[in-house]
Protein backbone atom coordinates (compact mmCIF):
# COMPACT_ATOMS: atom_id res chain seq x y z
CA MET A 1 181.75 128.98 -17.73
CA ILE A 2 181.09 128.25 -14.07
CA ILE A 3 183.72 126.32 -12.17
CA ASP A 4 182.54 123.76 -9.68
CA PRO A 5 183.05 124.95 -6.06
CA VAL A 6 184.62 121.60 -5.19
CA VAL A 7 187.36 122.22 -7.77
CA ILE A 8 187.98 125.70 -6.38
CA ASP A 9 188.14 124.33 -2.83
CA ALA A 10 190.57 121.60 -3.88
CA ALA A 11 192.82 124.04 -5.77
CA SER A 12 192.75 126.44 -2.84
CA ALA A 13 193.67 123.67 -0.39
CA VAL A 14 196.53 122.46 -2.59
CA LEU A 15 197.95 125.98 -2.99
CA MET A 16 197.76 126.67 0.73
CA LEU A 17 199.32 123.33 1.68
CA VAL A 18 202.18 123.69 -0.79
CA GLY A 19 202.72 127.27 0.44
CA ALA A 20 202.78 126.11 4.06
CA LEU A 21 205.24 123.35 3.15
CA SER A 22 207.49 125.89 1.44
CA CYS A 23 207.41 128.10 4.55
CA LEU A 24 208.20 125.09 6.73
CA LEU A 25 211.17 124.13 4.56
CA GLY A 26 212.43 127.72 4.71
CA ALA A 27 212.17 127.66 8.50
CA LEU A 28 214.08 124.38 8.64
CA GLY A 29 216.74 125.95 6.43
CA LEU A 30 217.10 128.80 8.90
CA VAL A 31 217.82 126.30 11.65
CA ARG A 32 219.96 123.83 9.70
CA LEU A 33 222.14 125.90 7.35
CA PRO A 34 225.59 126.72 8.75
CA ASP A 35 226.31 130.22 7.44
CA LEU A 36 224.60 133.57 7.08
CA PRO A 37 224.26 133.62 3.26
CA GLY A 38 222.59 130.21 3.33
CA ARG A 39 220.24 131.30 6.06
CA MET A 40 219.35 134.44 4.13
CA GLN A 41 218.54 132.27 1.12
CA ALA A 42 216.28 130.11 3.28
CA ALA A 43 214.65 133.17 4.82
CA THR A 44 213.78 134.95 1.58
CA LYS A 45 213.04 132.69 -1.37
CA PRO A 46 211.02 129.82 0.16
CA GLN A 47 209.22 132.18 2.52
CA THR A 48 208.24 134.53 -0.31
CA LEU A 49 207.11 131.65 -2.51
CA GLY A 50 205.18 130.13 0.39
CA LEU A 51 203.43 133.40 1.15
CA LEU A 52 202.51 133.90 -2.51
CA LEU A 53 201.04 130.40 -2.73
CA ILE A 54 199.07 130.88 0.48
CA LEU A 55 197.79 134.22 -0.77
CA ALA A 56 196.80 132.66 -4.11
CA GLY A 57 194.94 129.88 -2.33
CA THR A 58 193.19 132.41 -0.14
CA ALA A 59 192.33 134.62 -3.12
CA LEU A 60 190.37 131.75 -4.64
CA ARG A 61 188.11 131.69 -1.59
CA VAL A 62 187.34 135.40 -1.05
CA GLU A 63 185.53 138.15 -2.94
CA MET A 64 187.27 140.09 -5.70
CA GLU A 65 187.91 143.20 -3.54
CA SER A 66 189.74 141.13 -0.95
CA ALA A 67 191.63 139.24 -3.65
CA VAL A 68 192.97 142.54 -5.00
CA THR A 69 194.20 143.40 -1.50
CA LEU A 70 195.94 140.02 -1.31
CA LEU A 71 197.56 140.77 -4.68
CA LEU A 72 198.94 144.01 -3.27
CA VAL A 73 200.28 142.18 -0.20
CA GLY A 74 202.04 139.67 -2.46
CA LEU A 75 203.47 142.41 -4.66
CA PHE A 76 204.80 144.27 -1.62
CA GLN A 77 206.47 141.08 -0.36
CA VAL A 78 208.11 140.38 -3.73
CA ILE A 79 209.46 143.92 -3.89
CA THR A 80 210.73 144.23 -0.32
CA ALA A 81 212.19 140.77 0.47
CA PRO A 82 215.16 140.97 -1.96
CA VAL A 83 216.00 144.52 -0.84
CA ILE A 84 215.99 143.54 2.82
CA ALA A 85 218.10 140.45 2.12
CA GLN A 86 220.62 142.52 0.17
CA LEU A 87 220.91 145.08 2.96
CA LEU A 88 221.27 142.37 5.59
CA GLY A 89 223.93 140.58 3.55
CA ARG A 90 225.87 143.77 2.96
CA SER A 91 225.73 144.67 6.65
CA ALA A 92 226.85 141.18 7.66
CA TYR A 93 229.69 141.25 5.14
CA ARG A 94 230.90 144.60 6.44
CA GLY A 95 230.59 143.45 10.04
CA GLY A 96 232.68 140.35 9.38
CA SER A 97 229.88 137.86 10.04
CA VAL A 98 230.28 136.15 6.67
CA ARG A 99 232.88 133.37 6.79
CA SER A 100 235.04 133.93 3.72
CA GLU A 101 236.31 130.32 3.65
CA LEU A 102 232.76 129.15 2.85
CA LEU A 103 232.35 131.53 -0.10
CA VAL A 104 232.95 130.09 -3.55
CA VAL A 105 233.38 133.55 -5.10
CA ASP A 106 233.89 136.77 -3.14
CA GLU A 107 232.97 139.56 -5.55
CA LEU A 108 233.01 142.20 -2.81
CA ALA A 109 236.60 141.59 -1.72
CA GLY A 110 238.45 144.88 -2.06
CA LYS A 111 235.40 146.75 -3.39
CA MET A 112 233.65 147.73 -0.15
CA PRO A 113 234.60 151.20 1.12
CA GLU A 114 236.15 151.27 4.58
CA ASP A 115 234.66 154.58 5.73
CA GLY A 116 231.10 153.26 6.18
CA SER A 117 229.58 155.01 3.16
CA SER A 118 227.54 152.97 0.69
């Protein structure tokens, strides 16, 4: 079954536009949200989703070898973004940058070691 190139172009354009919109909303969240945990949320989830959608839209337009490379880029992003966000959040919590009055639940209260070890 051969898919019409117009359909592929339209699907690619929709994926890339939705991905760009997701990245734009994540960037607006970075500017507008008041606290560090909210900004981390805006920096990781919409940006990762946006990148994956843009990569999927691009993969529809390129050869198979390049599409596999884009798949690896997306996989690397999905693996590394949560780890980086967790490390940034932990560092900010230890440094006192997280405002405790804005937290609904503070599961780390009293559990973080004081000596700087993990």
